[in-house]
Amino acid sequence: MPSRRVLVLALAAAVGLVACSAMAPWRPEDKRPQDARTSFKPAAPGDTTFSALAPAPGDTIDVATTSRWAGVLGGAAYRVEVPADWNGKLVMYAHGYAGEGNALVVQNPAIRRYLVQHGYAWAASSYSRNFYDVRAGVEDTNALALEFNRIAAAAGRNLPAPGKVYITGVSMGGHITAAAIEDEAYATEKHKVRYNGAVPMCGVVGDTALFDYFAGAQLAAQAIAGVPRYPFGDWADISAQVTSALFTTMKPTVTLTPAGVKFASVLQNLTGGPRPMFDIGLEVGGSFPIVWGTFGSDGTVSGIVNKNIADTQRFTYTIDGDPAGSAALNAKVLQLSAMPDANRLRSDGLRWIPKVNGDIHVPVISLHTLGDLYVPFGMEQVYRQRVSAKGNDRWLVQRAIRGATHCDFTVAEEATAFEDMVKWERDGVVPRGDDVLTPATVAAAGYGCSHTQDTIGPDDRPEVAKLRGYIAQHSPACPR
């Protein structure tokens, strides 16, 4: 007969197994269309280095003296840059959505010059797969961080292990950034990295809530245009009818019909509520036609999951100043429900679309432009609510930027956020941020002024300068 000690140990093991199975029950793992896509290849697999930055006014070190290494790791291309006088800290950069082609391309961070000038090493992966594959983005970024010292040593530069590792990224890369610091990701990923701080920018920090928004916008558009009950996936049949009912023109600028004005009000409330820059973002920002282009999806995010992931049950559609019209719209709009297991926990690694649950324990500064309608400002509201629900408010600072479209930050805005995050992580002093949840605060004319920096530098994209110039002419200026 087993001893009492053996029975106790067996019971403890059984309890442990039950607890683990509650998190990620083992089951035969299914495949998805993304798994069958095997033609992804680095665009330049033979690269072993890349171009140095061009010198610019204000440089304090010679930017040509950095070590620059390129290569391929796990099917993904990479770039690594280390200053001669390295400060011992590594920054991982996660790029945004790169489309559905086969060529894998590495992108440099916009704050590359800032990082090099301040002694930081940085590294960036192309990821081993395109499409909206955040799972691949997290794993390949982490794998590169873990390989940093071996890459340097192979090139003849023996470096100590980084004393700190930070992560930052834009758009889908913002999702990768936010997911990579989550407890769930660390528990389920194959390449495990503990980051010391993060700066997600224009990020999908509400994870699948983005696809809820795309679906809700489509269904509201259908209803306002007079075809509320048409099947969600048959958008192609009614696209022209709905477009002509709501818009006089969509490019190069958006102009609205009377029905379109109602839709714009609904859209504003779906994307974060009344706020500065929404009108400019809709009319000239350029991101709204991209949203329109997402309509007609089958809810699988182009084969990243196998079943519909979009859910509109939580939405109440609001036409400002028209309670009767709002009630009528909500009574007739089609509702969509996600399949409960479409994005379940898996036994073979991260979820197919990694979650941003709010389980964070390192400093995070998140940036978002107010006029972004593609990955809208409302993502920040979802993020704050999730972080608050987990009791982790002390780790999140959010900043609203008065930009008109998706990710149109100046380099100064990005660099300031990164610098403030590092000081917070190092010194424990929490930097200033913006309240993203109080409607009256968000709607105020000066909202977003605190952290907007319009000074254009040598590394800013021309379209950012153009949009900031347009904003200066067509919206109330921030007090200086």
Protein backbone atom coordinates (compact mmCIF):
# COMPACT_ATOMS: atom_id res chain seq x y z
CA MET A 1 0.00 0.00 0.00
CA PRO A 2 1.45 3.46 -0.90
CA SER A 3 2.73 5.57 1.94
CA ARG A 4 0.96 8.75 3.02
CA ARG A 5 3.85 10.82 1.56
CA VAL A 6 3.53 9.13 -1.85
CA LEU A 7 -0.24 9.72 -1.87
CA VAL A 8 0.24 13.41 -1.01
CA LEU A 9 2.80 13.83 -3.79
CA ALA A 10 0.57 12.04 -6.27
CA LEU A 11 -2.38 14.24 -5.33
CA ALA A 12 -0.27 17.39 -5.70
CA ALA A 13 0.88 16.24 -9.13
CA ALA A 14 -2.71 15.57 -10.16
CA VAL A 15 -3.79 19.03 -9.02
CA GLY A 16 -0.91 20.53 -10.98
CA LEU A 17 -1.95 18.66 -14.11
CA VAL A 18 -5.53 19.87 -13.73
CA ALA A 19 -4.33 23.47 -13.31
CA CYS A 20 -2.15 23.21 -16.43
CA SER A 21 -4.93 21.63 -18.45
CA ALA A 22 -7.25 24.48 -17.47
CA MET A 23 -4.81 26.88 -19.12
CA ALA A 24 -3.92 24.96 -22.26
CA PRO A 25 -5.66 21.56 -22.52
CA TRP A 26 -3.85 19.20 -24.81
CA ARG A 27 -5.68 18.27 -27.96
CA PRO A 28 -4.63 17.32 -31.47
CA GLU A 29 -3.70 20.64 -33.05
CA ASP A 30 -5.48 21.65 -36.23
CA LYS A 31 -3.89 23.42 -39.17
CA ARG A 32 -4.85 26.72 -40.80
CA PRO A 33 -4.22 28.18 -44.26
CA GLN A 34 -1.23 30.16 -42.94
CA ASP A 35 0.55 26.91 -42.05
CA ALA A 36 0.41 25.75 -45.67
CA ARG A 37 2.05 28.92 -47.01
CA THR A 38 5.64 27.84 -47.50
CA SER A 39 6.96 30.25 -50.15
CA PHE A 40 8.13 33.05 -47.85
CA LYS A 41 11.77 33.94 -48.55
CA PRO A 42 14.08 36.77 -47.42
CA ALA A 43 14.21 39.40 -50.15
CA ALA A 44 18.01 39.62 -49.89
CA PRO A 45 19.22 36.35 -48.33
CA GLY A 46 22.88 37.04 -49.15
CA ASP A 47 23.12 40.32 -47.25
CA THR A 48 25.69 40.36 -44.47
CA THR A 49 25.52 44.09 -43.74
CA PHE A 50 23.46 47.18 -44.59
CA SER A 51 23.99 50.87 -45.21
CA ALA A 52 25.14 53.24 -42.52
CA LEU A 53 23.05 56.28 -41.66
CA ALA A 54 23.93 59.44 -43.54
CA PRO A 55 25.43 62.09 -41.26
CA ALA A 56 23.02 64.80 -40.12
CA PRO A 57 23.28 68.07 -38.19
CA GLY A 58 23.33 67.41 -34.46
CA ASP A 59 25.12 64.06 -34.64
CA THR A 60 27.52 63.63 -31.74
CA ILE A 61 29.15 60.43 -33.00
CA ASP A 62 30.18 59.25 -36.44
CA VAL A 63 27.21 57.15 -37.55
CA ALA A 64 29.41 55.21 -39.99
CA THR A 65 31.41 53.62 -37.14
CA THR A 66 28.64 51.28 -35.99
CA SER A 67 28.86 47.51 -36.45
CA ARG A 68 26.10 46.45 -38.87
CA TRP A 69 25.26 42.81 -39.46
CA ALA A 70 22.58 41.23 -41.61
CA GLY A 71 21.65 37.61 -42.13
CA VAL A 72 18.94 34.98 -41.92
CA LEU A 73 17.75 33.28 -38.73
CA GLY A 74 15.02 30.65 -38.72
CA GLY A 75 13.86 31.69 -42.18
CA ALA A 76 13.62 35.36 -41.22
CA ALA A 77 15.98 38.08 -42.38
CA TYR A 78 17.50 40.29 -39.71
CA ARG A 79 19.54 43.41 -39.12
CA VAL A 80 21.61 44.23 -36.04
CA GLU A 81 23.42 47.51 -35.36
CA VAL A 82 25.77 48.17 -32.44
CA PRO A 83 27.56 51.50 -31.79
CA ALA A 84 31.28 51.45 -31.17
CA ASP A 85 30.62 52.80 -27.66
CA TRP A 86 27.72 50.48 -26.85
CA ASN A 87 25.84 51.25 -23.63
CA GLY A 88 25.03 47.58 -22.97
CA LYS A 89 21.32 47.89 -23.80
CA LEU A 90 19.48 46.21 -26.70
CA VAL A 91 16.32 47.47 -28.39
CA MET A 92 14.22 45.04 -30.43
CA TYR A 93 12.17 46.67 -33.20
CA ALA A 94 8.97 45.09 -34.56
CA HIS A 95 7.77 46.33 -37.95
CA GLY A 96 4.16 46.64 -39.04
CA TYR A 97 1.99 44.60 -41.40
CA ALA A 98 3.95 43.86 -44.60
CA GLY A 99 1.15 42.51 -46.79
CA GLU A 100 0.60 39.04 -48.22
CA GLY A 101 3.54 38.66 -50.58
CA ASN A 102 6.33 36.12 -50.28
CA ALA A 103 9.30 38.50 -49.93
CA LEU A 104 10.45 39.04 -46.32
CA VAL A 105 11.93 42.50 -45.75
CA VAL A 106 13.60 43.99 -42.68
CA GLN A 107 12.61 47.53 -41.71
CA ASN A 108 14.78 49.94 -39.72
CA PRO A 109 13.27 51.79 -36.75
CA ALA A 110 12.41 55.45 -37.33
CA ILE A 111 14.40 56.26 -34.18
CA ARG A 112 17.52 54.52 -35.49
CA ARG A 113 19.60 57.70 -35.34
CA TYR A 114 18.45 58.44 -31.79
CA LEU A 115 19.37 54.92 -30.68
CA VAL A 116 22.81 54.96 -32.25
CA GLN A 117 23.59 58.46 -30.97
CA HIS A 118 22.68 57.37 -27.43
CA GLY A 119 24.68 54.15 -27.49
CA TYR A 120 21.87 51.60 -27.90
CA ALA A 121 22.18 48.48 -30.02
CA TRP A 122 19.09 47.58 -32.00
CA ALA A 123 17.92 44.52 -33.90
CA ALA A 124 14.98 43.89 -36.22
CA SER A 125 13.53 40.78 -37.85
CA SER A 126 11.56 40.53 -41.09
CA TYR A 127 9.64 37.67 -39.40
CA SER A 128 9.54 34.32 -41.15
CA ARG A 129 6.02 34.88 -42.48
CA ASN A 130 3.99 37.74 -43.88
CA PHE A 131 0.21 38.24 -43.45
CA TYR A 132 -1.10 39.31 -40.01
CA ASP A 133 1.04 36.73 -38.24
CA VAL A 134 1.73 38.22 -34.80
CA ARG A 135 2.65 34.78 -33.49
CA ALA A 136 5.55 34.60 -35.96
CA GLY A 137 6.46 38.20 -35.14
CA VAL A 138 6.80 37.54 -31.42
CA GLU A 139 8.74 34.30 -31.85
CA ASP A 140 11.14 35.61 -34.52
CA THR A 141 11.80 38.85 -32.65
CA ASN A 142 12.50 36.93 -29.46
CA ALA A 143 14.71 34.41 -31.28
CA LEU A 144 16.79 37.27 -32.67
CA ALA A 145 17.17 38.84 -29.22
CA LEU A 146 18.42 35.52 -27.88
CA GLU A 147 20.89 35.21 -30.79
CA PHE A 148 22.34 38.74 -30.42
CA ASN A 149 25.62 37.75 -28.76
CA ARG A 150 26.28 34.83 -31.10
CA ILE A 151 25.73 37.07 -34.15
CA ALA A 152 28.17 39.60 -32.75
CA ALA A 153 30.75 36.95 -31.85
CA ALA A 154 30.54 35.36 -35.30
CA ALA A 155 31.39 38.78 -36.76
CA GLY A 156 34.40 39.11 -34.47
CA ARG A 157 32.92 41.36 -31.80
CA ASN A 158 32.62 39.66 -28.41
CA LEU A 159 30.05 41.52 -26.34
CA PRO A 160 28.65 40.95 -22.86
CA ALA A 161 25.01 39.92 -22.62
CA PRO A 162 22.72 42.96 -22.77
CA GLY A 163 22.02 44.44 -19.37
CA LYS A 164 18.55 45.53 -20.50
CA VAL A 165 16.37 44.49 -23.43
CA TYR A 166 13.54 46.76 -24.57
CA ILE A 167 10.99 46.32 -27.34
CA THR A 168 9.17 48.81 -29.55
CA GLY A 169 7.13 48.58 -32.73
CA VAL A 170 4.46 50.12 -34.91
CA SER A 171 0.98 48.95 -35.99
CA MET A 172 1.07 45.12 -36.13
CA GLY A 173 4.51 45.56 -34.58
CA GLY A 174 2.78 47.43 -31.76
CA HIS A 175 0.64 44.32 -31.25
CA ILE A 176 3.82 42.22 -31.23
CA THR A 177 5.36 44.63 -28.72
CA ALA A 178 2.36 44.60 -26.39
CA ALA A 179 1.89 40.83 -26.62
CA ALA A 180 5.58 40.05 -26.07
CA ILE A 181 5.53 41.51 -22.53
CA GLU A 182 2.40 39.62 -21.45
CA ASP A 183 2.45 36.81 -18.89
CA GLU A 184 0.54 34.52 -21.25
CA ALA A 185 3.09 35.01 -24.03
CA TYR A 186 6.01 34.19 -21.75
CA ALA A 187 4.23 31.05 -20.55
CA THR A 188 3.42 29.74 -24.03
CA GLU A 189 6.09 31.03 -26.43
CA LYS A 190 9.00 28.87 -27.59
CA HIS A 191 11.66 31.60 -27.48
CA LYS A 192 11.37 33.18 -24.05
CA VAL A 193 12.54 36.75 -23.46
CA ARG A 194 11.86 38.93 -20.44
CA TYR A 195 11.74 42.52 -21.67
CA ASN A 196 12.52 45.43 -19.36
CA GLY A 197 10.18 47.94 -20.99
CA ALA A 198 8.10 48.56 -24.09
CA VAL A 199 6.87 51.31 -26.42
CA PRO A 200 4.03 50.11 -28.68
CA MET A 201 3.08 52.79 -31.23
CA CYS A 202 -0.14 53.00 -33.27
CA GLY A 203 -0.45 49.42 -32.08
CA VAL A 204 -3.20 46.84 -32.24
CA VAL A 205 -3.14 46.81 -28.45
CA GLY A 206 -6.71 45.50 -28.33
CA ASP A 207 -5.67 42.43 -30.38
CA THR A 208 -8.78 40.90 -32.01
CA ALA A 209 -10.91 43.90 -31.00
CA LEU A 210 -9.53 45.49 -34.19
CA PHE A 211 -11.37 42.93 -36.29
CA ASP A 212 -14.54 43.51 -34.27
CA TYR A 213 -14.26 47.18 -35.27
CA PHE A 214 -13.80 46.41 -38.96
CA ALA A 215 -16.90 44.18 -38.84
CA GLY A 216 -18.95 46.70 -36.87
CA ALA A 217 -18.08 49.49 -39.28
CA GLN A 218 -19.12 47.36 -42.26
CA LEU A 219 -22.42 46.30 -40.69
CA ALA A 220 -23.25 49.87 -39.66
CA ALA A 221 -22.46 51.09 -43.18
CA GLN A 222 -24.76 48.45 -44.66
CA ALA A 223 -27.58 49.35 -42.32
CA ILE A 224 -27.34 53.12 -42.86
CA ALA A 225 -27.20 52.54 -46.62
CA GLY A 226 -30.43 50.52 -46.49
CA VAL A 227 -29.19 46.91 -46.72
CA PRO A 228 -28.96 45.96 -43.03
CA ARG A 229 -29.61 42.22 -43.29
CA TYR A 230 -27.38 41.35 -46.20
CA PRO A 231 -24.96 38.53 -45.30
CA PHE A 232 -21.71 39.81 -43.85
CA GLY A 233 -19.46 37.85 -46.19
CA ASP A 234 -21.28 38.88 -49.37
CA TRP A 235 -19.98 42.43 -49.29
CA ALA A 236 -18.95 42.39 -52.95
CA ASP A 237 -22.63 42.21 -53.96
CA ILE A 238 -23.53 45.48 -52.23
CA SER A 239 -20.23 47.35 -52.04
CA ALA A 240 -20.99 49.77 -54.87
CA GLN A 241 -24.51 50.43 -53.55
CA VAL A 242 -23.31 51.18 -50.02
CA THR A 243 -20.39 53.29 -51.21
CA SER A 244 -22.58 55.50 -53.40
CA ALA A 245 -25.13 55.86 -50.59
CA LEU A 246 -22.54 57.17 -48.13
CA PHE A 247 -19.83 58.90 -50.16
CA THR A 248 -19.67 61.36 -53.01
CA THR A 249 -15.93 60.75 -53.26
CA MET A 250 -13.50 58.61 -51.29
CA LYS A 251 -10.17 59.51 -52.93
CA PRO A 252 -8.14 61.68 -52.78
CA THR A 253 -10.43 63.09 -50.08
CA VAL A 254 -13.57 61.71 -48.46
CA THR A 255 -16.79 63.66 -49.05
CA LEU A 256 -20.03 62.49 -47.49
CA THR A 257 -23.66 62.27 -48.49
CA PRO A 258 -26.31 63.04 -45.80
CA ALA A 259 -26.39 59.32 -44.97
CA GLY A 260 -22.60 59.37 -44.89
CA VAL A 261 -22.65 62.10 -42.25
CA LYS A 262 -24.60 59.72 -40.02
CA PHE A 263 -22.14 56.94 -40.75
CA ALA A 264 -19.22 59.27 -39.89
CA SER A 265 -20.78 59.91 -36.49
CA VAL A 266 -21.10 56.17 -35.88
CA LEU A 267 -17.51 55.69 -37.04
CA GLN A 268 -16.25 58.38 -34.67
CA ASN A 269 -17.88 56.64 -31.74
CA LEU A 270 -16.58 53.22 -32.79
CA THR A 271 -13.03 54.56 -32.94
CA GLY A 272 -12.75 56.34 -29.59
CA GLY A 273 -15.46 58.99 -29.43
CA PRO A 274 -15.48 62.71 -30.28
CA ARG A 275 -11.91 64.02 -30.35
CA PRO A 276 -9.62 66.40 -32.22
CA MET A 277 -8.28 65.15 -35.58
CA PHE A 278 -11.17 62.77 -36.31
CA ASP A 279 -12.59 64.95 -39.08
CA ILE A 280 -9.19 65.51 -40.65
CA GLY A 281 -8.37 61.82 -40.29
CA LEU A 282 -11.58 60.90 -42.12
CA GLU A 283 -11.34 63.54 -44.83
CA VAL A 284 -7.64 63.63 -45.73
CA GLY A 285 -5.75 61.31 -43.41
CA GLY A 286 -5.71 58.45 -45.86
CA SER A 287 -6.37 55.57 -43.47
CA PHE A 288 -10.14 55.33 -43.87
CA PRO A 289 -10.10 53.86 -47.42
CA ILE A 290 -7.90 51.09 -45.99
CA VAL A 291 -10.62 50.32 -43.45
CA TRP A 292 -13.19 50.22 -46.25
CA GLY A 293 -10.91 47.76 -48.03
CA THR A 294 -11.16 45.32 -45.11
CA PHE A 295 -14.91 44.92 -45.60
CA GLY A 296 -16.09 41.55 -46.85
CA SER A 297 -13.67 39.51 -44.76
CA ASP A 298 -14.69 36.02 -43.70
CA GLY A 299 -13.42 36.75 -40.19
CA THR A 300 -10.38 34.47 -40.39
CA VAL A 301 -7.89 37.34 -40.87
CA SER A 302 -6.88 35.89 -44.25
CA GLY A 303 -6.30 32.41 -42.90
CA ILE A 304 -4.49 33.27 -39.67
CA VAL A 305 -7.33 31.47 -37.87
CA ASN A 306 -9.77 28.88 -39.19
CA LYS A 307 -13.05 30.36 -37.97
CA ASN A 308 -14.69 33.76 -37.70
CA ILE A 309 -13.02 35.80 -34.98
CA ALA A 310 -14.99 39.04 -35.38
CA ASP A 311 -17.70 39.86 -32.85
CA THR A 312 -19.98 42.91 -32.81
CA GLN A 313 -22.20 41.98 -29.88
CA ARG A 314 -20.60 44.58 -27.56
CA PHE A 315 -21.26 47.54 -29.85
CA THR A 316 -23.99 50.12 -29.43
CA TYR A 317 -24.03 52.30 -32.52
CA THR A 318 -24.48 56.00 -31.82
CA ILE A 319 -25.39 58.83 -34.19
CA ASP A 320 -24.62 61.95 -32.16
CA GLY A 321 -27.63 64.24 -31.67
CA ASP A 322 -30.05 61.66 -33.06
CA PRO A 323 -31.29 59.28 -30.36
CA ALA A 324 -34.20 58.07 -32.47
CA GLY A 325 -31.93 57.36 -35.41
CA SER A 326 -29.47 55.58 -33.14
CA ALA A 327 -32.22 53.39 -31.71
CA ALA A 328 -33.50 52.53 -35.18
CA LEU A 329 -29.99 51.69 -36.37
CA ASN A 330 -29.34 49.37 -33.43
CA ALA A 331 -32.69 47.66 -33.97
CA LYS A 332 -31.94 46.77 -37.58
CA VAL A 333 -28.16 46.32 -37.81
CA LEU A 334 -26.93 42.77 -38.30
CA GLN A 335 -25.03 41.29 -35.34
CA LEU A 336 -22.02 39.03 -35.68
CA SER A 337 -20.67 36.53 -33.15
CA ALA A 338 -17.18 35.05 -33.03
CA MET A 339 -16.66 31.32 -32.81
CA PRO A 340 -15.68 30.74 -29.17
CA ASP A 341 -12.62 28.61 -29.95
CA ALA A 342 -11.40 30.52 -33.00
CA ASN A 343 -8.39 31.86 -31.10
CA ARG A 344 -8.05 29.44 -28.22
CA LEU A 345 -4.96 28.67 -26.20
CA ARG A 346 -2.81 26.08 -27.94
CA SER A 347 -0.51 23.29 -26.82
CA ASP A 348 2.07 24.02 -29.55
CA GLY A 349 2.95 27.59 -28.61
CA LEU A 350 1.33 31.01 -28.71
CA ARG A 351 -2.24 31.55 -29.76
CA TRP A 352 -2.60 32.09 -33.49
CA ILE A 353 -3.36 35.73 -32.62
CA PRO A 354 -1.51 36.43 -29.35
CA LYS A 355 -3.54 38.19 -26.69
CA VAL A 356 -2.98 41.52 -24.97
CA ASN A 357 -4.64 40.71 -21.66
CA GLY A 358 -3.20 43.48 -19.48
CA ASP A 359 -0.91 41.14 -17.53
CA ILE A 360 2.11 43.47 -17.68
CA HIS A 361 4.81 44.12 -15.11
CA VAL A 362 7.28 46.44 -16.86
CA PRO A 363 7.01 50.12 -17.87
CA VAL A 364 4.99 50.67 -21.04
CA ILE A 365 4.45 53.95 -22.91
CA SER A 366 1.90 53.57 -25.70
CA LEU A 367 1.48 56.19 -28.45
CA HIS A 368 -1.51 56.70 -30.74
CA THR A 369 -2.50 59.34 -33.28
CA LEU A 370 -6.01 60.71 -32.82
CA GLY A 371 -6.90 60.72 -36.53
CA ASP A 372 -5.96 57.10 -37.16
CA LEU A 373 -9.00 55.18 -38.39
CA TYR A 374 -7.19 52.03 -39.53
CA VAL A 375 -5.90 51.04 -36.10
CA PRO A 376 -8.00 53.57 -34.24
CA PHE A 377 -7.37 55.47 -31.03
CA GLY A 378 -10.09 53.30 -29.42
CA MET A 379 -7.49 50.52 -29.21
CA GLU A 380 -5.90 52.52 -26.40
CA GLN A 381 -9.20 52.57 -24.53
CA VAL A 382 -9.49 48.78 -24.79
CA TYR A 383 -5.88 48.45 -23.60
CA ARG A 384 -6.42 50.70 -20.59
CA GLN A 385 -9.56 48.83 -19.58
CA ARG A 386 -7.80 45.47 -19.75
CA VAL A 387 -4.74 46.67 -17.85
CA SER A 388 -6.97 48.25 -15.19
CA ALA A 389 -9.02 45.07 -14.84
CA LYS A 390 -5.80 43.21 -14.02
CA GLY A 391 -4.75 45.85 -11.46
CA ASN A 392 -1.70 46.88 -13.47
CA ASP A 393 -2.42 50.56 -14.11
CA ARG A 394 0.88 51.57 -12.58
CA TRP A 395 2.74 50.04 -15.53
CA LEU A 396 0.96 51.83 -18.39
CA VAL A 397 1.30 55.41 -19.63
CA GLN A 398 -0.57 56.39 -22.80
CA ARG A 399 -0.04 59.42 -25.01
CA ALA A 400 -2.37 60.92 -27.60
CA ILE A 401 -0.67 62.53 -30.59
CA ARG A 402 -2.40 65.02 -32.88
CA GLY A 403 -1.66 63.13 -36.08
CA ALA A 404 -4.16 62.64 -38.90
CA THR A 405 -3.49 59.11 -40.05
CA HIS A 406 -1.97 55.76 -39.18
CA CYS A 407 1.42 55.94 -37.43
CA ASP A 408 2.24 59.49 -38.56
CA PHE A 409 4.46 60.28 -35.60
CA THR A 410 7.44 62.55 -35.82
CA VAL A 411 10.76 61.00 -34.84
CA ALA A 412 10.87 63.45 -31.92
CA GLU A 413 7.60 62.03 -30.54
CA GLU A 414 8.85 58.46 -30.83
CA ALA A 415 12.28 59.22 -29.38
CA THR A 416 10.82 61.16 -26.44
CA ALA A 417 8.50 58.28 -25.59
CA PHE A 418 11.36 55.79 -25.72
CA GLU A 419 13.64 58.00 -23.62
CA ASP A 420 10.90 58.56 -21.03
CA MET A 421 10.23 54.81 -20.83
CA VAL A 422 13.92 54.09 -20.18
CA LYS A 423 14.13 56.78 -17.49
CA TRP A 424 11.01 55.33 -15.86
CA GLU A 425 12.46 51.80 -15.92
CA ARG A 426 15.82 53.05 -14.63
CA ASP A 427 14.78 55.66 -12.08
CA GLY A 428 11.25 54.64 -11.12
CA VAL A 429 9.73 58.04 -11.93
CA VAL A 430 6.48 57.60 -13.84
CA PRO A 431 6.27 59.98 -16.84
CA ARG A 432 3.23 61.99 -17.82
CA GLY A 433 0.55 60.57 -20.06
CA ASP A 434 -3.01 61.25 -21.18
CA ASP A 435 -6.37 60.12 -19.85
CA VAL A 436 -7.84 58.05 -22.69
CA LEU A 437 -11.14 57.08 -21.08
CA THR A 438 -12.94 60.25 -19.89
CA PRO A 439 -15.12 61.39 -22.83
CA ALA A 440 -15.04 65.10 -21.94
CA THR A 441 -11.26 65.04 -21.67
CA VAL A 442 -10.80 63.25 -24.99
CA ALA A 443 -13.25 65.60 -26.73
CA ALA A 444 -11.55 68.80 -25.50
CA ALA A 445 -10.11 71.03 -28.24
CA GLY A 446 -6.60 70.83 -26.79
CA TYR A 447 -6.53 67.09 -26.27
CA GLY A 448 -3.29 65.54 -27.51
CA CYS A 449 -1.30 68.77 -27.30
CA SER A 450 0.82 67.70 -24.32
CA HIS A 451 2.91 65.18 -26.24
CA THR A 452 2.66 66.33 -29.86
CA GLN A 453 5.97 67.60 -31.30
CA ASP A 454 5.70 69.00 -34.81
CA THR A 455 9.39 69.67 -35.37
CA ILE A 456 10.42 67.71 -38.47
CA GLY A 457 13.88 66.15 -38.46
CA PRO A 458 16.14 64.42 -41.03
CA ASP A 459 14.61 61.00 -40.46
CA ASP A 460 10.94 61.99 -40.69
CA ARG A 461 8.94 60.72 -43.66
CA PRO A 462 7.84 63.44 -46.13
CA GLU A 463 4.18 62.50 -45.72
CA VAL A 464 4.40 63.20 -41.98
CA ALA A 465 5.69 66.72 -42.67
CA LYS A 466 2.94 67.25 -45.26
CA LEU A 467 0.18 66.14 -42.90
CA ARG A 468 1.50 68.18 -39.98
CA GLY A 469 1.49 71.22 -42.28
CA TYR A 470 -2.12 70.53 -43.27
CA ILE A 471 -3.15 70.12 -39.64
CA ALA A 472 -1.53 73.43 -38.73
CA GLN A 473 -3.67 75.17 -41.37
CA HIS A 474 -6.98 73.41 -40.69
CA SER A 475 -7.21 72.73 -36.95
CA PRO A 476 -6.82 74.78 -33.79
CA ALA A 477 -3.15 75.09 -32.89
CA CYS A 478 -1.83 73.76 -29.64
CA PRO A 479 -0.69 76.45 -27.19
CA ARG A 480 3.08 76.84 -27.20
